[in-house]
Protein backbone atom coordinates (compact mmCIF):
# COMPACT_ATOMS: atom_id res chain seq x y z
CA MET A 1 4.90 -12.62 26.18
CA LYS A 2 7.46 -14.00 23.05
CA ILE A 3 6.48 -13.62 19.94
CA LYS A 4 8.51 -14.61 16.47
CA LEU A 5 7.34 -12.17 13.74
CA LEU A 6 8.24 -13.21 10.04
CA GLY A 7 7.70 -11.18 7.27
CA PRO A 8 9.36 -9.22 3.99
CA LEU A 9 10.88 -6.99 6.60
CA ASP A 10 13.78 -5.65 4.40
CA ASP A 11 11.39 -4.78 1.07
CA VAL A 12 10.17 -1.73 0.01
CA THR A 13 6.49 -3.41 -0.41
CA GLY A 14 3.36 -2.46 1.96
CA TYR A 15 3.49 -5.78 3.81
CA GLY A 16 7.31 -4.91 4.55
CA GLU A 17 6.52 -1.53 5.87
CA VAL A 18 3.62 -3.39 7.81
CA ALA A 19 6.21 -6.21 9.21
CA ARG A 20 8.59 -3.20 10.32
CA GLN A 21 6.04 -1.12 12.00
CA LEU A 22 4.24 -4.27 13.88
CA ALA A 23 7.95 -5.73 15.04
CA LEU A 24 8.50 -2.03 16.57
CA VAL A 25 5.05 -1.13 18.09
CA MET A 26 4.53 -4.56 19.57
CA GLN A 27 7.96 -4.13 21.48
CA ASP A 28 7.22 -0.42 23.00
CA LEU A 29 3.91 -2.54 23.98
CA GLY A 30 6.22 -4.81 26.28
CA VAL A 31 6.51 -8.14 23.67
CA ASP A 32 9.77 -9.75 23.38
CA VAL A 33 9.85 -9.47 19.33
CA SER A 34 12.42 -11.56 17.54
CA VAL A 35 12.02 -11.36 13.59
CA GLN A 36 12.55 -13.14 10.51
CA PRO A 37 12.89 -11.67 6.88
CA GLN A 38 11.24 -13.67 4.08
CA ASN A 39 11.67 -11.20 1.74
CA TRP A 40 10.43 -11.28 -1.87
CA GLY A 41 12.00 -8.76 -4.33
CA CYS A 42 15.60 -7.25 -5.26
CA THR A 43 14.21 -3.70 -4.41
CA HIS A 44 15.50 -3.01 -0.35
CA ILE A 45 14.29 -0.55 1.73
CA GLU A 46 16.99 2.19 3.24
CA LEU A 47 15.73 2.77 7.24
CA PRO A 48 16.64 5.43 9.21
CA PRO A 49 19.23 4.62 11.40
CA GLU A 50 17.49 3.98 14.80
CA LEU A 51 15.08 1.85 13.29
CA ASP A 52 17.27 0.41 11.17
CA LYS A 53 19.48 -0.51 14.49
CA ARG A 54 16.06 -2.07 16.46
CA ILE A 55 15.05 -3.93 13.25
CA LYS A 56 18.46 -5.73 13.28
CA ILE A 57 18.65 -6.43 17.02
CA MET A 58 15.23 -8.33 16.20
CA LYS A 59 16.87 -10.17 13.94
CA HIS A 60 20.11 -11.46 15.81
CA LEU A 61 17.93 -11.91 19.15
CA LYS A 62 18.08 -15.41 20.14
CA GLN A 63 15.14 -16.47 21.92
CA THR A 64 12.17 -19.93 22.42
CA PRO A 65 9.38 -17.91 21.26
CA GLU A 66 5.70 -18.81 22.56
CA SER A 67 3.84 -17.86 19.34
CA PHE A 68 4.30 -17.10 15.75
CA PHE A 69 3.60 -14.10 13.63
CA TYR A 70 3.25 -13.94 9.93
CA VAL A 71 3.18 -11.01 8.31
CA ASN A 72 2.87 -11.82 4.88
CA VAL A 73 0.78 -14.02 1.54
CA PRO A 74 -0.15 -17.54 2.79
CA PRO A 75 1.95 -19.63 1.39
CA PHE A 76 4.90 -18.61 3.53
CA PHE A 77 2.62 -19.62 6.73
CA LYS A 78 3.74 -22.54 8.30
CA ARG A 79 2.03 -24.51 11.57
CA GLN A 80 4.66 -24.22 14.64
CA GLY A 81 3.82 -26.67 17.48
CA LYS A 82 2.64 -23.74 18.61
CA PRO A 83 0.24 -20.49 18.52
CA VAL A 84 0.14 -19.25 14.94
CA ILE A 85 -1.38 -15.94 13.71
CA GLY A 86 -0.93 -14.97 10.46
CA LEU A 87 -1.69 -11.18 8.88
CA THR A 88 -2.63 -10.71 5.21
CA MET A 89 -5.10 -9.59 2.68
CA SER A 90 -5.89 -9.66 -1.15
CA GLU A 91 -6.29 -6.62 -3.57
CA VAL A 92 -8.90 -9.10 -6.11
CA ASP A 93 -12.51 -10.56 -5.06
CA GLY A 94 -11.03 -13.68 -3.85
CA ILE A 95 -8.10 -15.81 -2.84
CA PRO A 96 -6.42 -19.08 -4.61
CA GLU A 97 -7.76 -22.45 -2.70
CA LYS A 98 -3.92 -23.21 -1.64
CA TRP A 99 -4.27 -19.89 0.38
CA VAL A 100 -7.57 -20.92 1.70
CA LYS A 101 -6.16 -24.04 3.23
CA ALA A 102 -3.11 -22.07 4.66
CA CYS A 103 -5.27 -19.65 6.05
CA ASN A 104 -7.58 -22.28 7.66
CA SER A 105 -4.25 -24.18 8.98
CA VAL A 106 -3.27 -21.56 11.72
CA ASP A 107 -5.22 -20.20 14.70
CA PHE A 108 -6.60 -16.81 13.31
CA VAL A 109 -5.69 -14.64 9.92
CA LEU A 110 -5.88 -11.35 10.37
CA VAL A 111 -7.11 -8.79 7.47
CA PRO A 112 -7.25 -5.12 7.73
CA SER A 113 -10.46 -4.78 6.25
CA ARG A 114 -14.05 -6.09 6.04
CA PHE A 115 -13.33 -5.57 1.98
CA ASN A 116 -10.74 -8.83 3.13
CA LEU A 117 -12.95 -10.23 5.39
CA GLU A 118 -15.83 -10.89 2.93
CA THR A 119 -13.27 -12.31 -0.04
CA PHE A 120 -11.51 -14.58 2.82
CA GLN A 121 -14.89 -16.08 3.49
CA GLN A 122 -16.37 -16.62 0.53
CA SER A 123 -13.31 -18.14 -0.81
CA GLY A 124 -13.66 -20.65 1.63
CA VAL A 125 -11.71 -19.47 5.04
CA GLN A 126 -13.25 -20.63 8.29
CA PRO A 127 -15.40 -17.41 9.77
CA GLU A 128 -14.20 -18.55 12.93
CA LYS A 129 -10.53 -17.87 12.22
CA LEU A 130 -10.93 -14.57 10.36
CA LYS A 131 -10.79 -10.96 12.64
CA VAL A 132 -10.20 -7.54 11.04
CA VAL A 133 -7.38 -5.42 12.66
CA PRO A 134 -7.03 -2.14 10.97
CA LEU A 135 -3.43 -0.98 9.95
CA GLY A 136 -1.09 2.45 11.18
CA ILE A 137 0.52 4.60 10.08
CA ASN A 138 3.67 6.33 11.19
CA SER A 139 2.71 9.40 12.99
CA THR A 140 6.29 10.33 13.84
CA TYR A 141 7.15 11.04 9.94
CA PHE A 142 3.99 11.18 8.22
CA THR A 143 2.63 15.43 9.06
CA PRO A 144 1.63 17.90 7.06
CA GLU A 145 4.60 20.02 8.69
CA GLY A 146 8.13 19.44 7.57
CA PRO A 147 10.35 19.62 4.51
CA LYS A 148 9.37 19.20 0.81
CA PHE A 149 11.45 17.11 -1.44
CA THR A 150 13.45 19.12 -3.96
CA PHE A 151 12.50 18.08 -7.56
CA PRO A 152 13.44 20.80 -9.45
CA PRO A 153 11.56 19.35 -13.21
CA ALA A 154 8.50 20.04 -10.85
CA HIS A 155 8.81 23.12 -9.07
CA SER A 156 6.12 25.90 -9.62
CA LEU A 157 3.93 23.20 -10.99
CA PHE A 158 0.86 22.05 -9.93
CA THR A 159 1.75 18.40 -9.04
CA PHE A 160 -0.18 14.94 -9.25
CA LEU A 161 2.18 12.19 -7.54
CA SER A 162 1.09 8.52 -8.04
CA ILE A 163 3.69 5.89 -6.09
CA GLY A 164 3.57 2.01 -6.53
CA GLU A 165 5.37 -0.73 -8.00
CA TRP A 166 4.91 -1.11 -11.72
CA THR A 167 2.42 -3.82 -12.26
CA PRO A 168 -0.81 -3.62 -14.51
CA ARG A 169 -3.07 -3.81 -10.67
CA LYS A 170 -1.74 -0.30 -10.05
CA GLY A 171 -3.24 1.25 -13.28
CA PHE A 172 -0.36 3.53 -13.94
CA ASP A 173 -1.46 2.90 -17.73
CA ILE A 174 -4.97 4.06 -16.54
CA LEU A 175 -3.61 7.15 -15.22
CA ILE A 176 -0.80 8.18 -17.73
CA ARG A 177 -3.62 8.30 -20.62
CA ALA A 178 -6.01 10.21 -18.23
CA PHE A 179 -3.67 12.52 -17.51
CA VAL A 180 -2.27 13.00 -21.27
CA GLN A 181 -6.17 13.14 -22.54
CA GLU A 182 -7.04 15.75 -20.08
CA PHE A 183 -3.75 17.91 -19.79
CA SER A 184 -1.64 19.76 -22.47
CA ARG A 185 2.01 21.47 -22.03
CA ASP A 186 0.17 24.44 -21.76
CA ASP A 187 -1.42 23.78 -18.22
CA ASP A 188 0.67 24.41 -15.46
CA VAL A 189 0.28 21.07 -13.84
CA CYS A 190 3.26 17.53 -14.09
CA LEU A 191 2.63 14.07 -12.91
CA VAL A 192 5.30 12.77 -10.73
CA LEU A 193 5.50 8.82 -10.95
CA LYS A 194 7.42 7.39 -8.09
CA CYS A 195 7.67 3.63 -9.01
CA HIS A 196 9.99 0.67 -9.33
CA CYS A 197 10.06 -2.63 -11.15
CA ASN A 198 10.54 -5.56 -7.93
CA GLY A 199 10.42 -9.10 -9.71
CA SER A 200 13.16 -10.57 -12.27
CA ASP A 201 12.42 -7.37 -14.56
CA TYR A 202 14.30 -5.38 -11.87
CA ASP A 203 15.84 -2.13 -13.07
CA PRO A 204 17.08 -0.12 -10.85
CA SER A 205 17.76 2.47 -13.50
CA GLY A 206 14.07 3.25 -14.39
CA ASN A 207 14.82 3.08 -18.05
CA LYS A 208 11.89 0.07 -18.87
CA ILE A 209 9.61 2.02 -16.71
CA GLN A 210 10.59 5.18 -19.04
CA LYS A 211 10.02 3.38 -22.24
CA GLU A 212 6.84 1.95 -21.60
CA ILE A 213 5.74 5.65 -20.02
CA LYS A 214 6.56 7.05 -23.39
CA GLY A 215 5.01 4.22 -25.16
CA ILE A 216 1.65 4.92 -23.25
CA VAL A 217 1.79 8.72 -24.06
CA ALA A 218 2.99 8.24 -27.81
CA ARG A 219 -0.32 6.12 -28.36
CA GLU A 220 -2.08 8.95 -27.28
CA LYS A 221 -1.22 11.17 -30.16
CA LYS A 222 -1.05 14.30 -28.83
CA SER A 223 0.90 17.05 -30.30
CA ALA A 224 1.83 18.44 -26.66
CA PRO A 225 1.40 16.33 -23.95
CA PRO A 226 1.84 17.56 -20.09
CA ARG A 227 4.65 16.71 -18.32
CA ILE A 228 5.62 13.60 -16.92
CA PHE A 229 8.38 12.71 -14.58
CA HIS A 230 9.89 9.68 -13.31
CA ILE A 231 11.51 8.93 -10.37
CA PRO A 232 13.24 5.41 -10.68
CA GLN A 233 15.47 5.14 -6.90
CA THR A 234 14.31 3.42 -3.97
CA LEU A 235 14.01 6.80 -1.18
CA PRO A 236 14.32 6.05 2.28
CA SER A 237 11.64 5.42 4.37
CA GLN A 238 11.92 9.11 6.31
CA ASP A 239 12.42 10.81 2.67
CA MET A 240 8.77 9.91 1.87
CA PRO A 241 6.59 12.39 3.97
CA ALA A 242 8.97 15.41 2.39
CA LEU A 243 7.66 13.59 -0.56
CA TYR A 244 4.26 13.21 -0.35
CA ARG A 245 4.37 17.15 0.77
CA MET A 246 5.94 18.11 -2.77
CA ALA A 247 2.52 17.02 -4.37
CA GLN A 248 -1.01 18.98 -4.65
CA CYS A 249 -2.60 16.08 -5.02
CA PHE A 250 -1.75 11.86 -4.83
CA VAL A 251 -3.63 9.93 -7.11
CA LEU A 252 -3.94 6.50 -7.79
CA ALA A 253 -6.53 4.67 -10.59
CA THR A 254 -5.41 1.05 -8.71
CA ARG A 255 -7.37 -1.87 -9.55
CA GLY A 256 -7.81 -2.96 -6.33
CA GLU A 257 -5.81 -2.87 -3.06
CA GLY A 258 -5.64 -4.84 -0.12
CA TRP A 259 -4.98 -2.27 2.07
CA ASN A 260 -3.06 0.92 0.41
CA VAL A 261 -0.42 2.21 2.65
CA PRO A 262 0.45 5.14 0.11
CA VAL A 263 -3.32 6.59 0.27
CA PHE A 264 -2.84 6.93 4.16
CA GLU A 265 0.57 8.14 4.16
CA ALA A 266 -0.62 10.62 1.63
CA LEU A 267 -3.49 12.09 4.01
CA ALA A 268 -1.33 11.90 6.80
CA CYS A 269 1.03 14.20 5.46
CA GLY A 270 -2.53 16.53 4.75
CA VAL A 271 -2.30 15.90 0.85
CA PRO A 272 -5.78 15.68 -1.27
CA VAL A 273 -6.03 12.09 -2.49
CA LEU A 274 -7.69 10.52 -5.38
CA VAL A 275 -8.11 7.14 -5.79
CA THR A 276 -10.86 4.20 -7.41
CA ASN A 277 -13.80 3.69 -5.58
CA TRP A 278 -13.68 -0.05 -4.55
CA SER A 279 -11.51 -2.76 -2.26
CA ALA A 280 -9.59 -2.15 0.89
CA TYR A 281 -9.27 1.46 2.19
CA LEU A 282 -13.14 2.41 1.68
CA ASP A 283 -13.56 1.26 5.40
CA PHE A 284 -11.91 4.59 5.92
CA LEU A 285 -12.36 6.73 2.90
CA ASN A 286 -15.47 8.35 1.54
CA GLU A 287 -16.70 11.31 -0.62
CA GLU A 288 -15.97 13.44 2.70
CA ASN A 289 -12.41 12.90 2.73
CA ALA A 290 -11.18 12.12 -0.54
CA TYR A 291 -12.40 11.86 -4.21
CA LEU A 292 -12.83 8.84 -5.54
CA ILE A 293 -12.91 7.41 -9.29
CA ASN A 294 -16.16 5.46 -10.64
CA VAL A 295 -15.66 1.79 -11.25
CA ASP A 296 -16.89 0.56 -15.00
CA ALA A 297 -17.23 -2.67 -13.39
CA LEU A 298 -15.49 -5.74 -12.02
CA GLU A 299 -13.44 -7.28 -14.93
CA PRO A 300 -12.01 -10.61 -14.70
CA VAL A 301 -8.11 -10.50 -14.18
CA PRO A 302 -6.22 -10.60 -17.51
CA PHE A 303 -2.66 -13.28 -17.55
CA CYS A 304 0.29 -10.43 -16.98
CA GLY A 305 3.05 -12.64 -17.48
CA ILE A 306 4.01 -11.75 -13.72
CA PRO A 307 4.22 -13.58 -10.55
CA THR A 308 0.21 -12.52 -9.35
CA ASP A 309 -1.36 -14.46 -12.42
CA GLU A 310 -0.74 -17.57 -10.25
CA ILE A 311 -2.86 -15.52 -7.23
CA TYR A 312 -5.04 -13.45 -9.04
CA GLN A 313 -6.56 -16.37 -11.86
CA GLY A 314 -10.35 -16.78 -11.68
CA HIS A 315 -10.84 -13.31 -9.95
CA ARG A 316 -11.63 -10.05 -10.85
CA TRP A 317 -10.72 -6.62 -9.95
CA ALA A 318 -12.11 -3.06 -10.39
CA ARG A 319 -11.63 -0.90 -14.25
CA PRO A 320 -11.97 2.79 -13.39
CA ASN A 321 -13.80 4.91 -15.38
CA ILE A 322 -11.33 7.07 -17.04
CA GLU A 323 -13.84 9.71 -18.13
CA HIS A 324 -14.12 9.97 -14.40
CA LEU A 325 -10.72 10.51 -13.71
CA ARG A 326 -10.24 12.75 -16.45
CA TYR A 327 -13.37 14.79 -14.73
CA LEU A 328 -11.71 14.39 -10.89
CA MET A 329 -8.51 15.63 -11.93
CA ARG A 330 -9.36 18.83 -13.55
CA TYR A 331 -11.30 19.51 -10.80
CA VAL A 332 -8.80 18.97 -7.96
CA TYR A 333 -6.61 21.13 -10.10
CA GLU A 334 -9.30 23.74 -10.50
CA ASN A 335 -10.75 23.73 -7.18
CA TYR A 336 -7.55 23.40 -5.00
CA ALA A 337 -9.24 25.01 -1.64
CA GLU A 338 -11.73 22.64 -1.54
CA ALA A 339 -9.69 19.40 -1.94
CA ARG A 340 -7.40 20.64 1.13
CA ASN A 341 -10.36 20.84 3.16
CA LYS A 342 -11.32 17.75 2.32
CA ALA A 343 -7.29 16.48 2.62
CA ALA A 344 -7.89 17.75 6.46
CA ALA A 345 -10.93 15.65 7.04
CA GLY A 346 -8.57 12.87 5.24
CA GLN A 347 -5.86 13.63 8.13
CA SER A 348 -8.31 13.42 10.98
CA THR A 349 -9.74 10.26 9.93
CA VAL A 350 -6.02 9.07 9.60
CA SER A 351 -4.96 10.24 13.08
CA LYS A 352 -7.57 8.81 14.94
CA HIS A 353 -8.35 5.50 13.34
CA LEU A 354 -5.30 4.19 11.89
CA ARG A 355 -2.50 4.27 14.29
CA TRP A 356 -0.09 1.49 15.32
CA ASP A 357 -0.04 1.84 18.45
CA LEU A 358 -4.27 0.73 18.20
CA CYS A 359 -3.28 -1.62 16.28
CA GLY A 360 -0.62 -3.50 17.96
CA LYS A 361 -2.79 -3.49 20.89
CA ARG A 362 -5.68 -5.98 19.20
CA ILE A 363 -2.96 -7.62 17.38
CA ILE A 364 -1.63 -8.82 21.61
CA GLN A 365 -5.11 -9.30 22.74
CA HIS A 366 -5.64 -11.99 19.82
CA PHE A 367 -2.00 -13.59 21.09
CA SER A 368 -3.05 -13.28 24.62
CA HIS A 369 -6.54 -15.23 23.86
CA LEU A 370 -4.57 -17.98 22.47
CA VAL A 371 -1.89 -18.46 24.94
CA HIS A 372 -4.41 -18.37 27.07
CA VAL A 373 -6.44 -21.20 25.53
CA VAL A 374 -3.29 -23.43 25.32
């Protein structure tokens, strides 16, 4: 079987990680895979040498594919005169009409969760085209055992860690407000934000984000706010497990996720997670293996002046309850033994269900069905 995979292979985004891992696992499962980058932004990832070499070989592989596999947002999908499958997702409660049209133009659309199955179908994607295929986590790197990231400002402090692109959807504004309201400089606790800008406001120095963080803190008018640290640089993918292991808790007050790679990577590393009680990852997270932030309501996505406005307009996302977030952060801080037990349950869930080999086998079965039919 010869498949050409197209997606943001060089990007630091979740889509980029999914595209790379699927190219590698499908090759490991015996598929002749060639790849073509469809990159989005300015922030590119540094891969481990052996993985980088494999991806580069696939980029330069000359072959006539039997099928095409898009791991990207639907506007990138293109009919090729041969079987075409797209893998995509949405972070809000629906998708725009042009996404619906693009999805209906290909043979199958793979989504990682029942959340997306429902939102895509309700938006008008033909039900017979939709298939749920949970994604995976790289279990070679993301384990509880191994070195911890060296970050001296957080040394000896109870560390809450949050990771993601600096966009309104990720809820960093809510998280910072809750953290500042709940803790003070007298608490031996800190919040580490590993975040970046990836669009026209690309700023590798992190100055823009740091200025906005200071503005959010200042508006709380607290005389001795707790410690907040920002890591602006993109870390090589092989260093990310050490960053998770550095933390006592991973927290993301997101307004919505299409999958949520970081929360599952954190659990794979044995780190307790605290995340909003809404959207795609709830297929695998519950009160037994995570701390879930109550949602006040689903609210219309506002105009933010960023590229996703076109995708999200007319749809809704979650508003996490800031008081409950404050309570949960304090609770994890004061009941860490219980939190570690939840993390162990979450790690078991990830290792059992979220494996790239299982994901790759399911995808290959869908391609085999199409090739056989054709």
